Amino acid sequence: GEEELQEACARQALQRGGGGRRERLLRADVGQAGGGLESFKSQVLRACSPEAVGAAGGGGTEQQVIEKVRQISEESHQSHEREKCLQEELGSRLSKEKEVSESVEVFKKSLQELQ
């Protein structure tokens, strides 16, 4: 379920390691996944265009188009899952960083009070 997905994300994150560079990679990845949806639409349109159907030649073309669309939507679904995963990972990273900087502030304050 949802937890498993997050766990997988966390594992991936650990494997990938690295700081700010990965942040940029993640953002690029999320952008790519978003772009995937656009190409998905155009692929479906191409697959359903009269030329494509005509080129497939007569019998069973409808079935072929359905297959093609199913295949494309499967790929799209996978990239969407990946996008969700990356978004979550990015979110948790940012909130962790916020927590860290807040506790650093608290630490500095208490140091100042000691002096």
PDB file of N, CA and C in Angstrom:
ATOM      1  N   GLY A   1       0.817  -1.218   0.000  1.00  0.00           N
ATOM      2  CA  GLY A   1       0.000   0.000   0.000  1.00  0.00           C
ATOM      3  C   GLY A   1       0.853   1.272   0.000  1.00  0.00           C
ATOM      4  N   GLU A   2       0.282   2.334   0.571  1.00  0.00           N
ATOM      5  CA  GLU A   2       0.948   3.643   0.595  1.00  0.00           C
ATOM      6  C   GLU A   2       2.278   3.568   1.343  1.00  0.00           C
ATOM      7  N   GLU A   3       2.275   2.836   2.492  1.00  0.00           N
ATOM      8  CA  GLU A   3       3.508   2.748   3.297  1.00  0.00           C
ATOM      9  C   GLU A   3       4.619   2.078   2.502  1.00  0.00           C
ATOM     10  N   GLU A   4       4.261   0.993   1.807  1.00  0.00           N
ATOM     11  CA  GLU A   4       5.254   0.260   1.014  1.00  0.00           C
ATOM     12  C   GLU A   4       5.894   1.181  -0.012  1.00  0.00           C
ATOM     13  N   LEU A   5       5.056   1.991  -0.640  1.00  0.00           N
ATOM     14  CA  LEU A   5       5.543   2.927  -1.654  1.00  0.00           C
ATOM     15  C   LEU A   5       6.545   3.893  -1.025  1.00  0.00           C
ATOM     16  N   GLN A   6       6.183   4.423   0.145  1.00  0.00           N
ATOM     17  CA  GLN A   6       7.075   5.368   0.823  1.00  0.00           C
ATOM     18  C   GLN A   6       8.374   4.687   1.244  1.00  0.00           C
ATOM     19  N   GLU A   7       8.250   3.429   1.687  1.00  0.00           N
ATOM     20  CA  GLU A   7       9.434   2.683   2.090  1.00  0.00           C
ATOM     21  C   GLU A   7      10.367   2.506   0.908  1.00  0.00           C
ATOM     22  N   ALA A   8       9.784   2.133  -0.226  1.00  0.00           N
ATOM     23  CA  ALA A   8      10.568   1.960  -1.445  1.00  0.00           C
ATOM     24  C   ALA A   8      11.272   3.265  -1.808  1.00  0.00           C
ATOM     25  N   CYS A   9      10.550   4.361  -1.661  1.00  0.00           N
ATOM     26  CA  CYS A   9      11.117   5.682  -1.935  1.00  0.00           C
ATOM     27  C   CYS A   9      12.312   5.945  -1.029  1.00  0.00           C
ATOM     28  N   ALA A  10      12.117   5.648   0.262  1.00  0.00           N
ATOM     29  CA  ALA A  10      13.172   5.901   1.233  1.00  0.00           C
ATOM     30  C   ALA A  10      14.399   5.075   0.899  1.00  0.00           C
ATOM     31  N   ARG A  11      14.170   3.816   0.525  1.00  0.00           N
ATOM     32  CA  ARG A  11      15.288   2.946   0.159  1.00  0.00           C
ATOM     33  C   ARG A  11      16.028   3.516  -1.043  1.00  0.00           C
ATOM     34  N   GLN A  12      15.257   3.907  -2.051  1.00  0.00           N
ATOM     35  CA  GLN A  12      15.864   4.507  -3.252  1.00  0.00           C
ATOM     36  C   GLN A  12      16.694   5.718  -2.865  1.00  0.00           C
ATOM     37  N   ALA A  13      16.129   6.538  -1.980  1.00  0.00           N
ATOM     38  CA  ALA A  13      16.800   7.766  -1.551  1.00  0.00           C
ATOM     39  C   ALA A  13      18.139   7.425  -0.914  1.00  0.00           C
ATOM     40  N   LEU A  14      18.133   6.409  -0.054  1.00  0.00           N
ATOM     41  CA  LEU A  14      19.361   6.014   0.628  1.00  0.00           C
ATOM     42  C   LEU A  14      20.392   5.527  -0.376  1.00  0.00           C
ATOM     43  N   GLN A  15      19.925   4.730  -1.340  1.00  0.00           N
ATOM     44  CA  GLN A  15      20.844   4.190  -2.348  1.00  0.00           C
ATOM     45  C   GLN A  15      21.471   5.311  -3.158  1.00  0.00           C
ATOM     46  N   ARG A  16      20.650   6.319  -3.464  1.00  0.00           N
ATOM     47  CA  ARG A  16      21.169   7.378  -4.330  1.00  0.00           C
ATOM     48  C   ARG A  16      22.137   8.305  -3.611  1.00  0.00           C
ATOM     49  N   GLY A  17      21.857   8.553  -2.312  1.00  0.00           N
ATOM     50  CA  GLY A  17      22.748   9.397  -1.513  1.00  0.00           C
ATOM     51  C   GLY A  17      22.982  10.779  -2.109  1.00  0.00           C
ATOM     52  N   GLY A  18      23.937  11.543  -1.522  1.00  0.00           N
ATOM     53  CA  GLY A  18      24.309  12.857  -2.076  1.00  0.00           C
ATOM     54  C   GLY A  18      23.320  13.936  -1.697  1.00  0.00           C
ATOM     55  N   GLY A  19      23.798  15.180  -1.605  1.00  0.00           N
ATOM     56  CA  GLY A  19      22.973  16.276  -1.098  1.00  0.00           C
ATOM     57  C   GLY A  19      22.261  17.069  -2.160  1.00  0.00           C
ATOM     58  N   GLY A  20      22.692  18.317  -2.345  1.00  0.00           N
ATOM     59  CA  GLY A  20      22.007  19.259  -3.229  1.00  0.00           C
ATOM     60  C   GLY A  20      21.915  18.792  -4.665  1.00  0.00           C
ATOM     61  N   ARG A  21      22.927  18.055  -5.090  1.00  0.00           N
ATOM     62  CA  ARG A  21      22.936  17.583  -6.476  1.00  0.00           C
ATOM     63  C   ARG A  21      21.719  16.702  -6.736  1.00  0.00           C
ATOM     64  N   ARG A  22      21.427  15.865  -5.717  1.00  0.00           N
ATOM     65  CA  ARG A  22      20.292  14.973  -5.896  1.00  0.00           C
ATOM     66  C   ARG A  22      18.980  15.733  -5.905  1.00  0.00           C
ATOM     67  N   GLU A  23      18.929  16.808  -5.137  1.00  0.00           N
ATOM     68  CA  GLU A  23      17.739  17.657  -5.114  1.00  0.00           C
ATOM     69  C   GLU A  23      17.414  18.119  -6.544  1.00  0.00           C
ATOM     70  N   ARG A  24      18.477  18.592  -7.215  1.00  0.00           N
ATOM     71  CA  ARG A  24      18.284  19.044  -8.602  1.00  0.00           C
ATOM     72  C   ARG A  24      17.845  17.890  -9.491  1.00  0.00           C
ATOM     73  N   LEU A  25      18.480  16.729  -9.315  1.00  0.00           N
ATOM     74  CA  LEU A  25      18.118  15.559 -10.104  1.00  0.00           C
ATOM     75  C   LEU A  25      16.655  15.197  -9.875  1.00  0.00           C
ATOM     76  N   LEU A  26      16.235  15.243  -8.625  1.00  0.00           N
ATOM     77  CA  LEU A  26      14.848  14.928  -8.290  1.00  0.00           C
ATOM     78  C   LEU A  26      13.902  15.868  -9.005  1.00  0.00           C
ATOM     79  N   ARG A  27      14.214  17.159  -8.928  1.00  0.00           N
ATOM     80  CA  ARG A  27      13.339  18.135  -9.574  1.00  0.00           C
ATOM     81  C   ARG A  27      13.269  17.870 -11.077  1.00  0.00           C
ATOM     82  N   ALA A  28      14.433  17.577 -11.669  1.00  0.00           N
ATOM     83  CA  ALA A  28      14.472  17.287 -13.105  1.00  0.00           C
ATOM     84  C   ALA A  28      13.637  16.048 -13.395  1.00  0.00           C
ATOM     85  N   ASP A  29      13.752  15.048 -12.521  1.00  0.00           N
ATOM     86  CA  ASP A  29      13.006  13.804 -12.663  1.00  0.00           C
ATOM     87  C   ASP A  29      11.506  14.040 -12.627  1.00  0.00           C
ATOM     88  N   VAL A  30      11.080  14.859 -11.660  1.00  0.00           N
ATOM     89  CA  VAL A  30       9.665  15.176 -11.522  1.00  0.00           C
ATOM     90  C   VAL A  30       9.184  15.888 -12.783  1.00  0.00           C
ATOM     91  N   GLY A  31      10.010  16.817 -13.258  1.00  0.00           N
ATOM     92  CA  GLY A  31       9.664  17.532 -14.490  1.00  0.00           C
ATOM     93  C   GLY A  31       9.514  16.578 -15.663  1.00  0.00           C
ATOM     94  N   GLN A  32      10.428  15.607 -15.730  1.00  0.00           N
ATOM     95  CA  GLN A  32      10.403  14.630 -16.809  1.00  0.00           C
ATOM     96  C   GLN A  32       9.126  13.809 -16.753  1.00  0.00           C
ATOM     97  N   ALA A  33       8.769  13.376 -15.555  1.00  0.00           N
ATOM     98  CA  ALA A  33       7.567  12.569 -15.387  1.00  0.00           C
ATOM     99  C   ALA A  33       6.348  13.355 -15.846  1.00  0.00           C
ATOM    100  N   GLY A  34       6.330  14.665 -15.532  1.00  0.00           N
ATOM    101  CA  GLY A  34       5.244  15.524 -15.983  1.00  0.00           C
ATOM    102  C   GLY A  34       5.203  15.616 -17.498  1.00  0.00           C
ATOM    103  N   GLY A  35       6.375  15.739 -18.102  1.00  0.00           N
ATOM    104  CA  GLY A  35       6.472  15.794 -19.559  1.00  0.00           C
ATOM    105  C   GLY A  35       6.017  14.493 -20.179  1.00  0.00           C
ATOM    106  N   GLY A  36       6.198  13.392 -19.454  1.00  0.00           N
ATOM    107  CA  GLY A  36       5.803  12.073 -19.936  1.00  0.00           C
ATOM    108  C   GLY A  36       4.322  12.014 -20.246  1.00  0.00           C
ATOM    109  N   LEU A  37       3.537  12.755 -19.465  1.00  0.00           N
ATOM    110  CA  LEU A  37       2.094  12.754 -19.655  1.00  0.00           C
ATOM    111  C   LEU A  37       1.735  13.399 -20.993  1.00  0.00           C
ATOM    112  N   GLU A  38       2.448  14.484 -21.329  1.00  0.00           N
ATOM    113  CA  GLU A  38       2.217  15.148 -22.607  1.00  0.00           C
ATOM    114  C   GLU A  38       2.521  14.204 -23.770  1.00  0.00           C
ATOM    115  N   SER A  39       3.681  13.549 -23.691  1.00  0.00           N
ATOM    116  CA  SER A  39       4.048  12.650 -24.784  1.00  0.00           C
ATOM    117  C   SER A  39       3.085  11.469 -24.833  1.00  0.00           C
ATOM    118  N   PHE A  40       2.556  11.091 -23.665  1.00  0.00           N
ATOM    119  CA  PHE A  40       1.561  10.022 -23.598  1.00  0.00           C
ATOM    120  C   PHE A  40       0.345  10.393 -24.444  1.00  0.00           C
ATOM    121  N   LYS A  41      -0.126  11.625 -24.261  1.00  0.00           N
ATOM    122  CA  LYS A  41      -1.289  12.086 -25.020  1.00  0.00           C
ATOM    123  C   LYS A  41      -1.018  12.042 -26.519  1.00  0.00           C
ATOM    124  N   SER A  42       0.159  12.567 -26.892  1.00  0.00           N
ATOM    125  CA  SER A  42       0.440  12.612 -28.324  1.00  0.00           C
ATOM    126  C   SER A  42       0.631  11.203 -28.899  1.00  0.00           C
ATOM    127  N   GLN A  43       1.190  10.290 -28.075  1.00  0.00           N
ATOM    128  CA  GLN A  43       1.343   8.906 -28.539  1.00  0.00           C
ATOM    129  C   GLN A  43      -0.013   8.272 -28.800  1.00  0.00           C
ATOM    130  N   VAL A  44      -0.940   8.500 -27.863  1.00  0.00           N
ATOM    131  CA  VAL A  44      -2.278   7.933 -28.022  1.00  0.00           C
ATOM    132  C   VAL A  44      -2.928   8.495 -29.273  1.00  0.00           C
ATOM    133  N   LEU A  45      -2.809   9.814 -29.449  1.00  0.00           N
ATOM    134  CA  LEU A  45      -3.402  10.448 -30.624  1.00  0.00           C
ATOM    135  C   LEU A  45      -2.811   9.875 -31.903  1.00  0.00           C
ATOM    136  N   ARG A  46      -1.473   9.687 -31.900  1.00  0.00           N
ATOM    137  CA  ARG A  46      -0.823   9.105 -33.076  1.00  0.00           C
ATOM    138  C   ARG A  46      -1.336   7.691 -33.336  1.00  0.00           C
ATOM    139  N   ALA A  47      -1.426   6.904 -32.273  1.00  0.00           N
ATOM    140  CA  ALA A  47      -1.848   5.509 -32.413  1.00  0.00           C
ATOM    141  C   ALA A  47      -3.275   5.424 -32.956  1.00  0.00           C
ATOM    142  N   CYS A  48      -4.093   6.422 -32.625  1.00  0.00           N
ATOM    143  CA  CYS A  48      -5.506   6.396 -33.032  1.00  0.00           C
ATOM    144  C   CYS A  48      -5.766   7.154 -34.330  1.00  0.00           C
ATOM    145  N   SER A  49      -4.727   7.785 -34.856  1.00  0.00           N
ATOM    146  CA  SER A  49      -4.951   8.575 -36.070  1.00  0.00           C
ATOM    147  C   SER A  49      -5.301   7.656 -37.236  1.00  0.00           C
ATOM    148  N   PRO A  50      -6.115   8.148 -38.187  1.00  0.00           N
ATOM    149  CA  PRO A  50      -6.518   7.325 -39.342  1.00  0.00           C
ATOM    150  C   PRO A  50      -5.311   6.749 -40.090  1.00  0.00           C
ATOM    151  N   GLU A  51      -4.229   7.549 -40.187  1.00  0.00           N
ATOM    152  CA  GLU A  51      -3.039   7.072 -40.911  1.00  0.00           C
ATOM    153  C   GLU A  51      -2.478   5.822 -40.233  1.00  0.00           C
ATOM    154  N   ALA A  52      -2.334   5.900 -38.897  1.00  0.00           N
ATOM    155  CA  ALA A  52      -1.766   4.784 -38.153  1.00  0.00           C
ATOM    156  C   ALA A  52      -2.643   3.543 -38.299  1.00  0.00           C
ATOM    157  N   VAL A  53      -3.964   3.773 -38.169  1.00  0.00           N
ATOM    158  CA  VAL A  53      -4.905   2.655 -38.268  1.00  0.00           C
ATOM    159  C   VAL A  53      -4.884   2.090 -39.685  1.00  0.00           C
ATOM    160  N   GLY A  54      -4.835   2.998 -40.666  1.00  0.00           N
ATOM    161  CA  GLY A  54      -4.781   2.573 -42.064  1.00  0.00           C
ATOM    162  C   GLY A  54      -3.514   1.782 -42.355  1.00  0.00           C
ATOM    163  N   ALA A  55      -2.381   2.265 -41.829  1.00  0.00           N
ATOM    164  CA  ALA A  55      -1.095   1.623 -42.063  1.00  0.00           C
ATOM    165  C   ALA A  55      -1.064   0.211 -41.486  1.00  0.00           C
ATOM    166  N   ALA A  56      -1.794   0.034 -40.380  1.00  0.00           N
ATOM    167  CA  ALA A  56      -1.840  -1.290 -39.751  1.00  0.00           C
ATOM    168  C   ALA A  56      -2.551  -2.296 -40.659  1.00  0.00           C
ATOM    169  N   GLY A  57      -3.342  -1.767 -41.595  1.00  0.00           N
ATOM    170  CA  GLY A  57      -3.925  -2.606 -42.645  1.00  0.00           C
ATOM    171  C   GLY A  57      -5.088  -3.476 -42.205  1.00  0.00           C
ATOM    172  N   GLY A  58      -6.305  -2.963 -42.409  1.00  0.00           N
ATOM    173  CA  GLY A  58      -7.521  -3.766 -42.272  1.00  0.00           C
ATOM    174  C   GLY A  58      -7.719  -4.452 -40.937  1.00  0.00           C
ATOM    175  N   GLY A  59      -7.997  -5.785 -41.017  1.00  0.00           N
ATOM    176  CA  GLY A  59      -8.509  -6.592 -39.911  1.00  0.00           C
ATOM    177  C   GLY A  59      -7.797  -6.414 -38.576  1.00  0.00           C
ATOM    178  N   GLY A  60      -8.588  -6.381 -37.508  1.00  0.00           N
ATOM    179  CA  GLY A  60      -8.063  -6.350 -36.146  1.00  0.00           C
ATOM    180  C   GLY A  60      -7.410  -5.031 -35.755  1.00  0.00           C
ATOM    181  N   THR A  61      -7.592  -3.996 -36.557  1.00  0.00           N
ATOM    182  CA  THR A  61      -6.914  -2.730 -36.242  1.00  0.00           C
ATOM    183  C   THR A  61      -7.400  -2.153 -34.919  1.00  0.00           C
ATOM    184  N   GLU A  62      -8.697  -2.274 -34.680  1.00  0.00           N
ATOM    185  CA  GLU A  62      -9.242  -1.716 -33.443  1.00  0.00           C
ATOM    186  C   GLU A  62      -8.547  -2.370 -32.253  1.00  0.00           C
ATOM    187  N   GLN A  63      -8.412  -3.698 -32.324  1.00  0.00           N
ATOM    188  CA  GLN A  63      -7.739  -4.443 -31.266  1.00  0.00           C
ATOM    189  C   GLN A  63      -6.303  -3.948 -31.100  1.00  0.00           C
ATOM    190  N   GLN A  64      -5.625  -3.699 -32.214  1.00  0.00           N
ATOM    191  CA  GLN A  64      -4.239  -3.227 -32.157  1.00  0.00           C
ATOM    192  C   GLN A  64      -4.156  -1.870 -31.483  1.00  0.00           C
ATOM    193  N   VAL A  65      -5.075  -0.999 -31.846  1.00  0.00           N
ATOM    194  CA  VAL A  65      -5.089   0.337 -31.241  1.00  0.00           C
ATOM    195  C   VAL A  65      -5.324   0.215 -29.739  1.00  0.00           C
ATOM    196  N   ILE A  66      -6.281  -0.645 -29.362  1.00  0.00           N
ATOM    197  CA  ILE A  66      -6.574  -0.847 -27.935  1.00  0.00           C
ATOM    198  C   ILE A  66      -5.332  -1.349 -27.211  1.00  0.00           C
ATOM    199  N   GLU A  67      -4.640  -2.307 -27.813  1.00  0.00           N
ATOM    200  CA  GLU A  67      -3.404  -2.836 -27.234  1.00  0.00           C
ATOM    201  C   GLU A  67      -2.384  -1.729 -27.035  1.00  0.00           C
ATOM    202  N   LYS A  68      -2.206  -0.949 -28.105  1.00  0.00           N
ATOM    203  CA  LYS A  68      -1.225   0.127 -28.089  1.00  0.00           C
ATOM    204  C   LYS A  68      -1.549   1.110 -26.958  1.00  0.00           C
ATOM    205  N   VAL A  69      -2.814   1.505 -26.880  1.00  0.00           N
ATOM    206  CA  VAL A  69      -3.231   2.459 -25.852  1.00  0.00           C
ATOM    207  C   VAL A  69      -3.009   1.872 -24.466  1.00  0.00           C
ATOM    208  N   ARG A  70      -3.321   0.582 -24.316  1.00  0.00           N
ATOM    209  CA  ARG A  70      -3.133  -0.067 -23.018  1.00  0.00           C
ATOM    210  C   ARG A  70      -1.658  -0.048 -22.626  1.00  0.00           C
ATOM    211  N   GLN A  71      -0.820  -0.349 -23.596  1.00  0.00           N
ATOM    212  CA  GLN A  71       0.632  -0.376 -23.366  1.00  0.00           C
ATOM    213  C   GLN A  71       1.134   1.016 -22.973  1.00  0.00           C
ATOM    214  N   ILE A  72       0.696   2.016 -23.717  1.00  0.00           N
ATOM    215  CA  ILE A  72       1.133   3.393 -23.439  1.00  0.00           C
ATOM    216  C   ILE A  72       0.642   3.837 -22.067  1.00  0.00           C
ATOM    217  N   SER A  73      -0.603   3.496 -21.739  1.00  0.00           N
ATOM    218  CA  SER A  73      -1.138   3.965 -20.453  1.00  0.00           C
ATOM    219  C   SER A  73      -0.455   3.253 -19.301  1.00  0.00           C
ATOM    220  N   GLU A  74      -0.018   2.023 -19.516  1.00  0.00           N
ATOM    221  CA  GLU A  74       0.740   1.296 -18.507  1.00  0.00           C
ATOM    222  C   GLU A  74       2.042   2.046 -18.216  1.00  0.00           C
ATOM    223  N   GLU A  75       2.744   2.433 -19.271  1.00  0.00           N
ATOM    224  CA  GLU A  75       3.999   3.191 -19.116  1.00  0.00           C
ATOM    225  C   GLU A  75       3.739   4.512 -18.403  1.00  0.00           C
ATOM    226  N   SER A  76       2.665   5.160 -18.806  1.00  0.00           N
ATOM    227  CA  SER A  76       2.322   6.445 -18.209  1.00  0.00           C
ATOM    228  C   SER A  76       2.041   6.283 -16.724  1.00  0.00           C
ATOM    229  N   HIS A  77       1.330   5.205 -16.373  1.00  0.00           N
ATOM    230  CA  HIS A  77       0.996   4.952 -14.969  1.00  0.00           C
ATOM    231  C   HIS A  77       2.266   4.766 -14.155  1.00  0.00           C
ATOM    232  N   GLN A  78       3.216   4.031 -14.702  1.00  0.00           N
ATOM    233  CA  GLN A  78       4.477   3.802 -14.002  1.00  0.00           C
ATOM    234  C   GLN A  78       5.202   5.122 -13.756  1.00  0.00           C
ATOM    235  N   SER A  79       5.266   5.972 -14.770  1.00  0.00           N
ATOM    236  CA  SER A  79       5.978   7.240 -14.588  1.00  0.00           C
ATOM    237  C   SER A  79       5.219   8.141 -13.616  1.00  0.00           C
ATOM    238  N   HIS A  80       3.886   7.982 -13.564  1.00  0.00           N
ATOM    239  CA  HIS A  80       3.101   8.772 -12.608  1.00  0.00           C
ATOM    240  C   HIS A  80       3.411   8.323 -11.185  1.00  0.00           C
ATOM    241  N   GLU A  81       3.487   7.006 -10.963  1.00  0.00           N
ATOM    242  CA  GLU A  81       3.833   6.466  -9.649  1.00  0.00           C
ATOM    243  C   GLU A  81       5.193   7.020  -9.220  1.00  0.00           C
ATOM    244  N   ARG A  82       6.135   7.018 -10.177  1.00  0.00           N
ATOM    245  CA  ARG A  82       7.483   7.479  -9.917  1.00  0.00           C
ATOM    246  C   ARG A  82       7.465   8.959  -9.546  1.00  0.00           C
ATOM    247  N   GLU A  83       6.635   9.705 -10.255  1.00  0.00           N
ATOM    248  CA  GLU A  83       6.525  11.143  -9.990  1.00  0.00           C
ATOM    249  C   GLU A  83       6.008  11.374  -8.574  1.00  0.00           C
ATOM    250  N   LYS A  84       4.966  10.609  -8.183  1.00  0.00           N
ATOM    251  CA  LYS A  84       4.388  10.744  -6.851  1.00  0.00           C
ATOM    252  C   LYS A  84       5.458  10.450  -5.799  1.00  0.00           C
ATOM    253  N   CYS A  85       6.198   9.383  -6.066  1.00  0.00           N
ATOM    254  CA  CYS A  85       7.271   8.943  -5.189  1.00  0.00           C
ATOM    255  C   CYS A  85       8.301  10.066  -5.005  1.00  0.00           C
ATOM    256  N   LEU A  86       8.708  10.664  -6.101  1.00  0.00           N
ATOM    257  CA  LEU A  86       9.718  11.719  -6.068  1.00  0.00           C
ATOM    258  C   LEU A  86       9.199  12.958  -5.346  1.00  0.00           C
ATOM    259  N   GLN A  87       7.935  13.292  -5.606  1.00  0.00           N
ATOM    260  CA  GLN A  87       7.337  14.457  -4.942  1.00  0.00           C
ATOM    261  C   GLN A  87       7.372  14.264  -3.426  1.00  0.00           C
ATOM    262  N   GLU A  88       6.968  13.043  -2.987  1.00  0.00           N
ATOM    263  CA  GLU A  88       6.948  12.744  -1.552  1.00  0.00           C
ATOM    264  C   GLU A  88       8.350  12.845  -0.968  1.00  0.00           C
ATOM    265  N   GLU A  89       9.305  12.270  -1.713  1.00  0.00           N
ATOM    266  CA  GLU A  89      10.681  12.267  -1.226  1.00  0.00           C
ATOM    267  C   GLU A  89      11.188  13.701  -1.093  1.00  0.00           C
ATOM    268  N   LEU A  90      10.882  14.507  -2.091  1.00  0.00           N
ATOM    269  CA  LEU A  90      11.299  15.903  -2.082  1.00  0.00           C
ATOM    270  C   LEU A  90      10.677  16.616  -0.890  1.00  0.00           C
ATOM    271  N   GLY A  91       9.376  16.403  -0.675  1.00  0.00           N
ATOM    272  CA  GLY A  91       8.662  17.018   0.438  1.00  0.00           C
ATOM    273  C   GLY A  91       9.276  16.649   1.778  1.00  0.00           C
ATOM    274  N   SER A  92       9.553  15.361   1.963  1.00  0.00           N
ATOM    275  CA  SER A  92      10.076  14.937   3.263  1.00  0.00           C
ATOM    276  C   SER A  92      11.493  15.471   3.470  1.00  0.00           C
ATOM    277  N   ARG A  93      12.258  15.562   2.382  1.00  0.00           N
ATOM    278  CA  ARG A  93      13.610  16.120   2.476  1.00  0.00           C
ATOM    279  C   ARG A  93      13.555  17.576   2.921  1.00  0.00           C
ATOM    280  N   LEU A  94      12.673  18.332   2.296  1.00  0.00           N
ATOM    281  CA  LEU A  94      12.570  19.754   2.613  1.00  0.00           C
ATOM    282  C   LEU A  94      12.110  19.955   4.049  1.00  0.00           C
ATOM    283  N   SER A  95      11.142  19.150   4.509  1.00  0.00           N
ATOM    284  CA  SER A  95      10.673  19.336   5.888  1.00  0.00           C
ATOM    285  C   SER A  95      11.751  18.919   6.886  1.00  0.00           C
ATOM    286  N   LYS A  96      12.544  17.896   6.543  1.00  0.00           N
ATOM    287  CA  LYS A  96      13.658  17.505   7.410  1.00  0.00           C
ATOM    288  C   LYS A  96      14.646  18.655   7.533  1.00  0.00           C
ATOM    289  N   GLU A  97      14.974  19.261   6.399  1.00  0.00           N
ATOM    290  CA  GLU A  97      15.927  20.371   6.411  1.00  0.00           C
ATOM    291  C   GLU A  97      15.411  21.522   7.263  1.00  0.00           C
ATOM    292  N   LYS A  98      14.116  21.772   7.187  1.00  0.00           N
ATOM    293  CA  LYS A  98      13.491  22.830   7.978  1.00  0.00           C
ATOM    294  C   LYS A  98      13.638  22.506   9.464  1.00  0.00           C
ATOM    295  N   GLU A  99      13.315  21.264   9.836  1.00  0.00           N
ATOM    296  CA  GLU A  99      13.460  20.833  11.232  1.00  0.00           C
ATOM    297  C   GLU A  99      14.884  21.055  11.725  1.00  0.00           C
ATOM    298  N   VAL A 100      15.831  20.625  10.913  1.00  0.00           N
ATOM    299  CA  VAL A 100      17.238  20.739  11.297  1.00  0.00           C
ATOM    300  C   VAL A 100      17.603  22.198  11.542  1.00  0.00           C
ATOM    301  N   SER A 101      17.245  23.077  10.605  1.00  0.00           N
ATOM    302  CA  SER A 101      17.630  24.478  10.764  1.00  0.00           C
ATOM    303  C   SER A 101      16.925  25.107  11.969  1.00  0.00           C
ATOM    304  N   GLU A 102      15.684  24.670  12.249  1.00  0.00           N
ATOM    305  CA  GLU A 102      14.981  25.188  13.429  1.00  0.00           C
ATOM    306  C   GLU A 102      15.697  24.764  14.711  1.00  0.00           C
ATOM    307  N   SER A 103      16.107  23.483  14.766  1.00  0.00           N
ATOM    308  CA  SER A 103      16.773  23.018  15.994  1.00  0.00           C
ATOM    309  C   SER A 103      18.142  23.673  16.156  1.00  0.00           C
ATOM    310  N   VAL A 104      18.767  24.009  15.038  1.00  0.00           N
ATOM    311  CA  VAL A 104      20.036  24.741  15.106  1.00  0.00           C
ATOM    312  C   VAL A 104      19.801  26.117  15.733  1.00  0.00           C
ATOM    313  N   GLU A 105      18.718  26.772  15.306  1.00  0.00           N
ATOM    314  CA  GLU A 105      18.372  28.084  15.880  1.00  0.00           C
ATOM    315  C   GLU A 105      18.175  27.978  17.390  1.00  0.00           C
ATOM    316  N   VAL A 106      17.395  26.991  17.807  1.00  0.00           N
ATOM    317  CA  VAL A 106      17.133  26.775  19.232  1.00  0.00           C
ATOM    318  C   VAL A 106      18.446  26.566  19.979  1.00  0.00           C
ATOM    319  N   PHE A 107      19.296  25.760  19.384  1.00  0.00           N
ATOM    320  CA  PHE A 107      20.601  25.459  19.978  1.00  0.00           C
ATOM    321  C   PHE A 107      21.419  26.744  20.159  1.00  0.00           C
ATOM    322  N   LYS A 108      21.458  27.565  19.111  1.00  0.00           N
ATOM    323  CA  LYS A 108      22.200  28.844  19.191  1.00  0.00           C
ATOM    324  C   LYS A 108      21.654  29.710  20.311  1.00  0.00           C
ATOM    325  N   LYS A 109      20.330  29.810  20.397  1.00  0.00           N
ATOM    326  CA  LYS A 109      19.684  30.628  21.435  1.00  0.00           C
ATOM    327  C   LYS A 109      20.122  30.169  22.821  1.00  0.00           C
ATOM    328  N   SER A 110      20.043  28.845  23.051  1.00  0.00           N
ATOM    329  CA  SER A 110      20.373  28.330  24.392  1.00  0.00           C
ATOM    330  C   SER A 110      21.854  28.547  24.700  1.00  0.00           C
ATOM    331  N   LEU A 111      22.695  28.504  23.668  1.00  0.00           N
ATOM    332  CA  LEU A 111      24.122  28.793  23.860  1.00  0.00           C
ATOM    333  C   LEU A 111      24.305  30.249  24.312  1.00  0.00           C
ATOM    334  N   GLN A 112      23.602  31.142  23.650  1.00  0.00           N
ATOM    335  CA  GLN A 112      23.697  32.568  23.978  1.00  0.00           C
ATOM    336  C   GLN A 112      23.257  32.818  25.431  1.00  0.00           C
ATOM    337  N   GLU A 113      22.200  32.115  25.852  1.00  0.00           N
ATOM    338  CA  GLU A 113      21.695  32.285  27.221  1.00  0.00           C
ATOM    339  C   GLU A 113      22.736  31.806  28.250  1.00  0.00           C
ATOM    340  N   LEU A 114      23.490  30.757  27.879  1.00  0.00           N
ATOM    341  CA  LEU A 114      24.497  30.222  28.789  1.00  0.00           C
ATOM    342  C   LEU A 114      25.641  31.217  29.022  1.00  0.00           C
ATOM    343  N   GLN A 115      25.971  31.954  27.979  1.00  0.00           N
ATOM    344  CA  GLN A 115      27.139  32.844  28.070  1.00  0.00           C
ATOM    345  C   GLN A 115      26.892  34.052  28.979  1.00  0.00           C
TER     346      GLN A 115
END
